[in-house]
């Protein structure tokens, strides 16, 4: 099992840096809400953005808070599922996250280049985008080699820099309340409530990612519950408040496409528009940087448990698993050329299954280890703990059913996801055979 604490870590994550890192793992700012506003309109979007945290984010944050405080080990959700359900299911939990990361992490350099090209159009010409993406990955890799504390501190600074333009935009919007904005509202979109919730689910995904660095968090039993609740409030607030403020100006929601935040900001001030563009670059950079920290701890703990070569468990004085970080960075660099768009079906399938395993682990540990110290315990007893995962599980099933026909290039996203899930047990048993062979060779 993974080590509980890593005394070699030079700096530990405290509450506010962990909130900021979690914020980037989940949200990265209001960017990405444009499609929701376009489809649902402002008032319905606000309703969806307030409803989704209650039925999707809050249950997950409560689960993460209890399990992180009870089992504050490096690897987070891998450690929880392994302890509750055994090595096979723990490996599947880690496998699902790592496989999804190969496809997802290519998105964030693309976001960075997309916004950079608004300031420097040549960034998107030819191979420049790929080169810039490689440079961004390199910078984030070097940043992560300095340790989790450095990543958390950087995330805190980037959160302030990213959100400051939106705070100014809210002030401008409130000053223009009742006056026409870019467009006078003439349309009232036919709302697809569940479709809007699906978009919001995607924008509220990833709460458990922060758990993998538990061994590098200061006083994790206290820090995690506070960080989860703080991050939920921060994400919900920074989604709802800008949308609500812009709604008062009379902007036509049907005109909202990707980049609409920039257009609104430019209508107030050219410099505010530039600041929002820079914020979009920070969004891509900050999300990639924080997720390197999260995902790279999985090869580390898999190596410690013998499923990967021991070299992946090597760490620097900073506590950073340098081999795991470099290996992940190389895999994500190779995926830049895939140019996959992030699809709801693929993400929800892989992330949703891993999340369901975590809720099951919560219940099993309540039953099997009732005396396990839980500095933070979900209130309401066993019944609430059992019911907590019902709403997220139903949303996952409904999302998969609704988006089952999505395509990923020439492949069905659902089919590709199922193939990758089925590969998990194959890789697990192959790694067990490799481990036995390694032990036999060492014994001889």
Protein backbone atom coordinates (compact mmCIF):
# COMPACT_ATOMS: atom_id res chain seq x y z
CA UNK A 1 0.00 0.00 0.00
CA UNK A 2 1.14 3.52 -0.68
CA UNK A 3 2.98 5.45 1.98
CA UNK A 4 0.86 7.69 4.16
CA UNK A 5 3.17 10.70 4.32
CA UNK A 6 6.26 11.80 2.41
CA UNK A 7 8.59 13.51 4.79
CA UNK A 8 10.95 14.32 1.93
CA UNK A 9 8.49 16.83 0.52
CA UNK A 10 10.07 20.31 0.74
CA UNK A 11 6.78 22.17 0.95
CA UNK A 12 3.33 20.81 1.74
CA UNK A 13 -0.03 21.80 0.34
CA UNK A 14 -2.09 23.82 2.79
CA UNK A 15 -5.79 24.75 2.60
CA UNK A 16 -5.75 27.68 0.15
CA UNK A 17 -3.21 26.26 -2.31
CA UNK A 18 -5.17 22.97 -2.28
CA UNK A 19 -8.40 24.89 -2.97
CA UNK A 20 -6.68 26.64 -5.89
CA UNK A 21 -5.21 23.41 -7.27
CA UNK A 22 -8.62 21.72 -6.98
CA UNK A 23 -10.19 24.71 -8.72
CA UNK A 24 -7.95 24.18 -11.74
CA UNK A 25 -8.50 20.41 -11.69
CA UNK A 26 -12.26 21.02 -11.89
CA UNK A 27 -12.96 24.37 -13.52
CA UNK A 28 -10.21 26.76 -14.54
CA UNK A 29 -12.62 29.68 -14.66
CA UNK A 30 -15.94 30.37 -16.45
CA UNK A 31 -14.44 29.44 -19.84
CA UNK A 32 -16.51 26.65 -21.39
CA UNK A 33 -19.91 27.90 -20.20
CA UNK A 34 -20.69 29.62 -23.50
CA UNK A 35 -22.46 26.59 -24.98
CA UNK A 36 -24.65 26.27 -21.90
CA UNK A 37 -25.73 29.93 -22.12
CA UNK A 38 -26.37 29.64 -25.86
CA UNK A 39 -28.59 26.59 -25.43
CA UNK A 40 -30.40 27.45 -22.21
CA UNK A 41 -30.39 31.22 -21.92
CA UNK A 42 -29.17 33.13 -18.87
CA UNK A 43 -31.82 32.48 -16.24
CA UNK A 44 -32.02 28.77 -16.97
CA UNK A 45 -28.22 28.54 -17.08
CA UNK A 46 -28.01 30.09 -13.64
CA UNK A 47 -30.57 27.58 -12.36
CA UNK A 48 -28.59 24.69 -13.87
CA UNK A 49 -25.31 26.01 -12.47
CA UNK A 50 -26.86 26.19 -9.00
CA UNK A 51 -28.62 22.82 -9.24
CA UNK A 52 -25.74 20.75 -10.60
CA UNK A 53 -23.38 21.32 -7.62
CA UNK A 54 -26.10 20.10 -5.25
CA UNK A 55 -26.74 16.81 -7.05
CA UNK A 56 -23.31 16.22 -8.59
CA UNK A 57 -20.45 18.18 -6.95
CA UNK A 58 -21.50 18.28 -3.29
CA UNK A 59 -21.97 14.49 -2.92
CA UNK A 60 -18.57 13.92 -4.53
CA UNK A 61 -16.88 16.57 -2.40
CA UNK A 62 -18.36 15.08 0.78
CA UNK A 63 -17.18 11.61 -0.24
CA UNK A 64 -13.68 12.91 -1.02
CA UNK A 65 -13.63 14.80 2.28
CA UNK A 66 -14.43 11.71 4.36
CA UNK A 67 -12.18 9.25 2.56
CA UNK A 68 -9.24 11.67 2.30
CA UNK A 69 -9.42 12.40 6.01
CA UNK A 70 -9.78 8.69 6.90
CA UNK A 71 -7.11 7.40 4.47
CA UNK A 72 -4.72 10.31 3.79
CA UNK A 73 -2.41 8.31 1.54
CA UNK A 74 -0.59 9.12 -1.66
CA UNK A 75 -2.64 7.88 -4.59
CA UNK A 76 -5.93 8.98 -3.03
CA UNK A 77 -8.81 7.21 -4.73
CA UNK A 78 -6.52 4.32 -5.70
CA UNK A 79 -5.75 3.74 -2.01
CA UNK A 80 -9.43 3.98 -1.03
CA UNK A 81 -10.70 1.50 -3.60
CA UNK A 82 -7.79 -0.90 -2.99
CA UNK A 83 -8.41 -0.93 0.75
CA UNK A 84 -12.16 -1.39 0.36
CA UNK A 85 -12.37 -3.75 -2.62
CA UNK A 86 -8.95 -5.27 -3.17
CA UNK A 87 -6.03 -4.88 -5.57
CA UNK A 88 -7.96 -5.70 -8.76
CA UNK A 89 -10.46 -2.91 -8.35
CA UNK A 90 -7.84 -0.49 -7.08
CA UNK A 91 -5.84 -1.08 -10.25
CA UNK A 92 -8.94 -0.50 -12.40
CA UNK A 93 -9.52 2.78 -10.59
CA UNK A 94 -6.01 3.98 -11.44
CA UNK A 95 -6.21 2.58 -15.00
CA UNK A 96 -9.40 4.49 -15.82
CA UNK A 97 -7.87 7.79 -14.72
CA UNK A 98 -4.58 7.30 -16.53
CA UNK A 99 -6.23 6.19 -19.79
CA UNK A 100 -8.63 9.14 -19.72
CA UNK A 101 -5.71 11.50 -19.11
CA UNK A 102 -4.02 10.53 -22.40
CA UNK A 103 -7.02 11.95 -24.27
CA UNK A 104 -7.97 14.77 -21.93
CA UNK A 105 -4.58 16.36 -21.32
CA UNK A 106 -4.17 17.22 -25.01
CA UNK A 107 -7.07 19.64 -24.59
CA UNK A 108 -5.28 22.13 -22.33
CA UNK A 109 -2.33 23.04 -24.59
CA UNK A 110 -4.95 23.48 -27.33
CA UNK A 111 -6.86 25.93 -25.10
CA UNK A 112 -3.62 27.80 -24.38
CA UNK A 113 -2.81 28.12 -28.11
CA UNK A 114 -6.41 29.06 -28.96
CA UNK A 115 -6.33 32.11 -26.69
CA UNK A 116 -2.72 32.97 -27.46
CA UNK A 117 -3.64 33.14 -31.16
CA UNK A 118 -6.03 36.01 -30.36
CA UNK A 119 -3.00 38.05 -29.36
CA UNK A 120 -0.54 36.45 -31.79
CA UNK A 121 -2.38 34.90 -34.79
CA UNK A 122 0.78 33.10 -35.97
CA UNK A 123 0.51 30.83 -32.91
CA UNK A 124 -2.13 28.76 -34.69
CA UNK A 125 -0.37 28.64 -38.09
CA UNK A 126 1.23 25.41 -39.28
CA UNK A 127 3.10 23.47 -36.64
CA UNK A 128 3.42 26.47 -34.33
CA UNK A 129 0.54 25.25 -32.18
CA UNK A 130 2.19 21.89 -31.55
CA UNK A 131 5.55 23.53 -30.80
CA UNK A 132 3.92 25.91 -28.33
CA UNK A 133 2.04 22.99 -26.78
CA UNK A 134 5.31 21.10 -26.28
CA UNK A 135 6.88 24.17 -24.68
CA UNK A 136 3.89 24.52 -22.34
CA UNK A 137 4.12 20.86 -21.34
CA UNK A 138 7.85 21.27 -20.71
CA UNK A 139 7.30 24.32 -18.51
CA UNK A 140 4.59 22.57 -16.47
CA UNK A 141 6.77 19.47 -16.13
CA UNK A 142 9.66 21.51 -14.72
CA UNK A 143 7.23 23.31 -12.43
CA UNK A 144 5.94 19.99 -11.08
CA UNK A 145 9.45 18.72 -10.41
CA UNK A 146 9.66 21.41 -7.73
CA UNK A 147 7.00 19.60 -5.71
CA UNK A 148 3.31 19.75 -4.84
CA UNK A 149 3.72 22.80 -2.63
CA UNK A 150 5.13 24.82 -5.52
CA UNK A 151 2.30 23.72 -7.81
CA UNK A 152 -0.29 24.66 -5.19
CA UNK A 153 1.29 28.07 -4.64
CA UNK A 154 1.40 28.70 -8.38
CA UNK A 155 -2.25 27.63 -8.69
CA UNK A 156 -3.20 30.16 -6.03
CA UNK A 157 -1.50 33.00 -7.91
CA UNK A 158 -2.98 31.88 -11.24
CA UNK A 159 -6.47 31.69 -9.72
CA UNK A 160 -6.23 35.33 -8.66
CA UNK A 161 -4.84 36.38 -12.07
CA UNK A 162 -7.51 34.41 -13.97
CA UNK A 163 -10.48 35.64 -11.96
CA UNK A 164 -9.49 39.32 -11.61
CA UNK A 165 -10.70 40.24 -15.15
CA UNK A 166 -14.03 38.52 -14.48
CA UNK A 167 -14.41 40.50 -11.25
CA UNK A 168 -13.90 43.71 -13.24
CA UNK A 169 -16.33 42.47 -15.90
CA UNK A 170 -18.96 41.93 -13.21
CA UNK A 171 -18.44 45.51 -11.99
CA UNK A 172 -18.80 46.85 -15.56
CA UNK A 173 -21.88 44.69 -16.17
CA UNK A 174 -23.60 45.81 -12.98
CA UNK A 175 -22.91 49.41 -13.99
CA UNK A 176 -24.69 48.79 -17.30
CA UNK A 177 -27.61 46.84 -15.85
CA UNK A 178 -30.76 47.69 -17.75
CA UNK A 179 -28.85 49.03 -20.76
CA UNK A 180 -28.42 47.06 -24.00
CA UNK A 181 -25.16 45.17 -24.27
CA UNK A 182 -23.68 43.63 -27.40
CA UNK A 183 -27.08 42.45 -28.58
CA UNK A 184 -30.60 43.08 -27.40
CA UNK A 185 -32.26 39.89 -26.23
CA UNK A 186 -34.84 38.84 -28.82
CA UNK A 187 -34.72 35.11 -28.44
CA UNK A 188 -35.84 32.72 -25.74
CA UNK A 189 -34.07 29.40 -26.27
CA UNK A 190 -36.06 26.22 -25.96
CA UNK A 191 -34.35 24.79 -22.93
CA UNK A 192 -33.12 21.26 -22.83
CA UNK A 193 -32.76 21.10 -19.04
CA UNK A 194 -31.00 17.76 -18.97
CA UNK A 195 -28.77 18.71 -21.89
CA UNK A 196 -27.75 21.78 -19.92
CA UNK A 197 -27.02 19.66 -16.88
CA UNK A 198 -24.79 17.44 -19.05
CA UNK A 199 -22.72 20.48 -20.04
CA UNK A 200 -22.60 21.60 -16.42
CA UNK A 201 -21.55 18.09 -15.31
CA UNK A 202 -18.53 18.32 -17.60
CA UNK A 203 -17.67 21.73 -16.12
CA UNK A 204 -18.04 20.36 -12.57
CA UNK A 205 -16.00 17.15 -13.02
CA UNK A 206 -12.75 16.19 -11.27
CA UNK A 207 -13.22 16.70 -7.53
CA UNK A 208 -11.40 13.49 -6.62
CA UNK A 209 -8.27 14.40 -8.59
CA UNK A 210 -6.90 16.37 -5.66
CA UNK A 211 -6.89 13.25 -3.47
CA UNK A 212 -3.88 11.65 -5.15
CA UNK A 213 -1.42 14.02 -3.42
CA UNK A 214 -2.70 13.33 0.10
CA UNK A 215 0.77 12.28 1.24
CA UNK A 216 2.00 15.80 0.43
CA UNK A 217 -0.81 17.73 2.13
CA UNK A 218 -0.30 19.36 5.49
CA UNK A 219 -2.69 17.92 8.09
CA UNK A 220 -4.82 16.19 5.42
CA UNK A 221 -7.50 15.11 7.91
CA UNK A 222 -8.42 18.77 8.40
CA UNK A 223 -7.25 20.26 5.10
CA UNK A 224 -9.20 18.08 2.66
CA UNK A 225 -12.74 18.66 4.01
CA UNK A 226 -12.09 22.41 4.18
CA UNK A 227 -10.54 22.47 0.70
CA UNK A 228 -13.38 20.47 -0.87
CA UNK A 229 -16.09 22.71 0.55
CA UNK A 230 -14.11 25.83 -0.33
CA UNK A 231 -13.51 24.65 -3.88
CA UNK A 232 -17.20 23.80 -4.42
CA UNK A 233 -18.17 27.31 -3.31
CA UNK A 234 -15.45 28.92 -5.44
CA UNK A 235 -16.34 26.99 -8.59
CA UNK A 236 -20.08 27.58 -8.22
CA UNK A 237 -19.56 31.26 -7.43
CA UNK A 238 -17.21 31.94 -10.32
CA UNK A 239 -19.62 30.20 -12.69
CA UNK A 240 -22.84 31.83 -11.52
CA UNK A 241 -21.79 35.40 -10.75
CA UNK A 242 -20.30 36.32 -14.16
CA UNK A 243 -23.24 34.74 -16.01
CA UNK A 244 -25.75 36.51 -13.74
CA UNK A 245 -24.02 39.88 -14.13
CA UNK A 246 -23.79 39.67 -17.93
CA UNK A 247 -27.46 38.64 -18.06
CA UNK A 248 -28.38 42.07 -16.64
CA UNK A 249 -26.83 43.88 -19.60
CA UNK A 250 -29.22 42.50 -22.24
CA UNK A 251 -26.72 40.38 -24.14
CA UNK A 252 -28.40 37.93 -26.50
CA UNK A 253 -27.64 34.40 -25.27
CA UNK A 254 -28.15 32.93 -28.74
CA UNK A 255 -24.99 34.77 -29.86
CA UNK A 256 -22.82 33.05 -27.26
CA UNK A 257 -20.19 30.85 -28.82
CA UNK A 258 -16.67 29.99 -27.70
CA UNK A 259 -14.88 33.25 -26.99
CA UNK A 260 -18.00 35.23 -26.05
CA UNK A 261 -16.40 36.24 -22.74
CA UNK A 262 -13.69 38.02 -24.70
CA UNK A 263 -16.22 39.86 -26.86
CA UNK A 264 -18.16 41.05 -23.82
CA UNK A 265 -14.97 42.21 -22.11
CA UNK A 266 -13.83 44.07 -25.25
CA UNK A 267 -17.17 45.88 -25.37
CA UNK A 268 -16.22 47.44 -22.01
CA UNK A 269 -12.51 47.97 -22.53
CA UNK A 270 -9.88 46.81 -25.00
CA UNK A 271 -7.52 46.10 -22.12
CA UNK A 272 -10.14 44.11 -20.25
CA UNK A 273 -10.60 42.02 -23.39
CA UNK A 274 -6.85 41.35 -23.48
CA UNK A 275 -6.96 40.40 -19.79
CA UNK A 276 -9.72 37.86 -20.45
CA UNK A 277 -7.68 36.41 -23.32
CA UNK A 278 -4.68 36.08 -21.01
CA UNK A 279 -7.02 34.48 -18.50
CA UNK A 280 -7.91 31.87 -21.13
CA UNK A 281 -4.21 31.09 -21.52
CA UNK A 282 -3.89 30.81 -17.74
CA UNK A 283 -6.90 28.45 -17.78
CA UNK A 284 -5.13 26.00 -20.09
CA UNK A 285 -1.78 26.36 -18.31
CA UNK A 286 -3.19 26.10 -14.79
CA UNK A 287 -5.37 23.09 -15.50
CA UNK A 288 -2.54 21.20 -17.17
CA UNK A 289 -0.12 22.10 -14.37
CA UNK A 290 -2.45 20.98 -11.57
CA UNK A 291 -3.46 17.77 -13.34
CA UNK A 292 0.17 16.75 -13.88
CA UNK A 293 0.49 16.83 -10.11
CA UNK A 294 -2.62 14.67 -9.73
CA UNK A 295 -2.09 12.06 -12.43
CA UNK A 296 1.66 11.58 -11.88
CA UNK A 297 1.07 10.18 -8.38
CA UNK A 298 -0.74 7.17 -9.84
CA UNK A 299 2.32 5.60 -11.55
CA UNK A 300 4.19 6.32 -8.32
CA UNK A 301 1.85 4.28 -6.11
CA UNK A 302 1.42 1.57 -8.75
CA UNK A 303 5.19 1.17 -8.76
CA UNK A 304 5.27 1.05 -4.97
CA UNK A 305 2.72 -1.74 -5.09
CA UNK A 306 4.68 -3.63 -7.74
CA UNK A 307 2.49 -3.08 -10.80
CA UNK A 308 5.05 -0.89 -12.56
CA UNK A 309 8.87 -0.97 -12.54
CA UNK A 310 10.34 0.38 -9.31
CA UNK A 311 11.95 3.26 -11.18
CA UNK A 312 8.55 5.00 -11.32
CA UNK A 313 8.66 5.31 -7.50
CA UNK A 314 11.80 7.47 -7.52
CA UNK A 315 11.32 10.94 -6.06
CA UNK A 316 13.33 14.13 -5.75
CA UNK A 317 14.03 15.97 -2.51
CA UNK A 318 10.97 18.06 -3.32
CA UNK A 319 8.86 14.89 -3.04
CA UNK A 320 8.05 14.98 -6.77
CA UNK A 321 7.99 11.55 -8.48
CA UNK A 322 10.28 12.66 -11.27
CA UNK A 323 10.23 9.50 -13.39
CA UNK A 324 6.42 9.30 -13.24
CA UNK A 325 6.12 13.00 -14.12
CA UNK A 326 8.47 12.68 -17.09
CA UNK A 327 6.76 9.50 -18.36
CA UNK A 328 3.32 11.12 -18.16
CA UNK A 329 4.60 14.28 -19.85
CA UNK A 330 6.00 12.23 -22.74
CA UNK A 331 2.69 10.36 -23.17
CA UNK A 332 0.73 13.63 -23.18
CA UNK A 333 3.17 15.23 -25.61
CA UNK A 334 2.66 12.30 -28.00
CA UNK A 335 -1.12 12.77 -27.73
CA UNK A 336 -0.94 16.38 -28.96
CA UNK A 337 -1.15 15.16 -32.54
CA UNK A 338 -4.38 13.24 -31.91
CA UNK A 339 -6.43 16.45 -31.88
CA UNK A 340 -9.36 14.78 -30.13
CA UNK A 341 -12.09 17.02 -28.85
CA UNK A 342 -13.27 16.35 -25.34
CA UNK A 343 -16.51 14.37 -25.59
CA UNK A 344 -19.11 13.94 -22.89
CA UNK A 345 -19.66 10.23 -23.55
CA UNK A 346 -15.98 9.28 -23.33
CA UNK A 347 -15.28 11.42 -20.26
CA UNK A 348 -18.42 10.48 -18.39
CA UNK A 349 -17.90 6.77 -19.10
CA UNK A 350 -14.34 6.57 -17.78
CA UNK A 351 -14.64 9.19 -15.06
CA UNK A 352 -18.14 8.05 -14.08
CA UNK A 353 -17.13 4.43 -13.57
CA UNK A 354 -14.17 5.42 -11.41
CA UNK A 355 -16.42 7.74 -9.40
CA UNK A 356 -18.97 4.97 -8.80
CA UNK A 357 -16.15 2.75 -7.51
CA UNK A 358 -15.24 5.48 -5.02
CA UNK A 359 -18.81 5.74 -3.71
CA UNK A 360 -18.91 1.94 -3.36
CA UNK A 361 -15.62 2.10 -1.45
CA UNK A 362 -17.16 4.68 0.89
CA UNK A 363 -20.01 2.30 1.76
CA UNK A 364 -17.82 -0.81 2.07
CA UNK A 365 -15.41 0.95 4.41
CA UNK A 366 -18.32 2.19 6.55
CA UNK A 367 -19.47 -1.44 6.89
CA UNK A 368 -16.11 -3.21 7.23
CA UNK A 369 -14.21 -0.62 9.22
CA UNK A 370 -16.72 1.29 11.34
CA UNK A 371 -13.99 2.12 13.87
CA UNK A 372 -11.66 3.63 11.25
CA UNK A 373 -10.88 7.16 12.50
CA UNK A 374 -12.75 9.64 10.33
CA UNK A 375 -11.87 13.21 11.35
CA UNK A 376 -14.51 14.30 8.87
CA UNK A 377 -17.58 12.11 8.62
CA UNK A 378 -20.46 12.71 6.23
CA UNK A 379 -23.40 13.65 8.47
CA UNK A 380 -26.55 11.57 8.55
CA UNK A 381 -25.19 8.13 9.30
CA UNK A 382 -25.04 5.06 7.08
CA UNK A 383 -28.27 5.77 5.21
CA UNK A 384 -27.01 9.13 3.92
CA UNK A 385 -23.64 7.59 3.03
CA UNK A 386 -25.44 4.94 0.95
CA UNK A 387 -27.73 7.45 -0.75
CA UNK A 388 -24.99 10.00 -1.43
CA UNK A 389 -23.88 8.40 -4.68
CA UNK A 390 -27.36 7.76 -6.08
CA UNK A 391 -27.83 11.11 -7.84
CA UNK A 392 -24.32 11.14 -9.41
CA UNK A 393 -24.77 7.51 -10.56
CA UNK A 394 -28.14 8.30 -12.16
CA UNK A 395 -26.69 11.34 -13.91
CA UNK A 396 -23.83 9.22 -15.26
CA UNK A 397 -26.21 6.57 -16.63
CA UNK A 398 -28.51 9.19 -18.17
CA UNK A 399 -25.55 11.04 -19.72
CA UNK A 400 -24.27 7.85 -21.32
CA UNK A 401 -27.70 6.98 -22.69
CA UNK A 402 -28.25 10.47 -24.06
CA UNK A 403 -24.84 10.78 -25.74
CA UNK A 404 -24.37 7.15 -26.78
CA UNK A 405 -24.12 8.05 -30.49
CA UNK A 406 -21.22 10.52 -30.12
CA UNK A 407 -18.25 9.92 -32.38
CA UNK A 408 -14.54 10.25 -31.62
CA UNK A 409 -13.06 10.64 -35.07
CA UNK A 410 -14.20 7.56 -37.00
CA UNK A 411 -14.91 5.62 -33.80
CA UNK A 412 -17.91 5.56 -31.52
CA UNK A 413 -16.88 7.28 -28.29
CA UNK A 414 -18.90 4.74 -26.31
CA UNK A 415 -17.30 1.76 -28.08
CA UNK A 416 -13.78 3.14 -27.64
CA UNK A 417 -14.46 3.79 -23.98
CA UNK A 418 -15.75 0.25 -23.42
CA UNK A 419 -12.70 -1.22 -25.20
CA UNK A 420 -10.35 0.76 -22.96
CA UNK A 421 -12.29 -0.29 -19.86
CA UNK A 422 -12.09 -3.95 -20.95
CA UNK A 423 -8.33 -3.56 -21.41
CA UNK A 424 -7.96 -2.74 -17.72
CA UNK A 425 -8.29 -6.33 -16.42
CA UNK A 426 -5.95 -7.56 -19.18
CA UNK A 427 -3.26 -5.07 -18.17
CA UNK A 428 -3.80 -5.92 -14.49
CA UNK A 429 -3.22 -9.65 -14.93
CA UNK A 430 -0.30 -9.00 -17.27
CA UNK A 431 1.29 -6.78 -14.62
CA UNK A 432 0.77 -9.49 -12.00
CA UNK A 433 2.56 -12.02 -14.21
CA UNK A 434 5.37 -9.54 -14.78
CA UNK A 435 5.62 -8.94 -11.02
CA UNK A 436 5.81 -12.66 -10.29
CA UNK A 437 8.48 -13.06 -12.95
CA UNK A 438 10.47 -10.21 -11.48
CA UNK A 439 10.28 -11.69 -8.00
CA UNK A 440 11.31 -15.13 -9.27
CA UNK A 441 14.27 -13.63 -11.13
CA UNK A 442 15.32 -11.68 -8.04
CA UNK A 443 15.08 -14.83 -5.88
CA UNK A 444 17.39 -16.70 -8.25
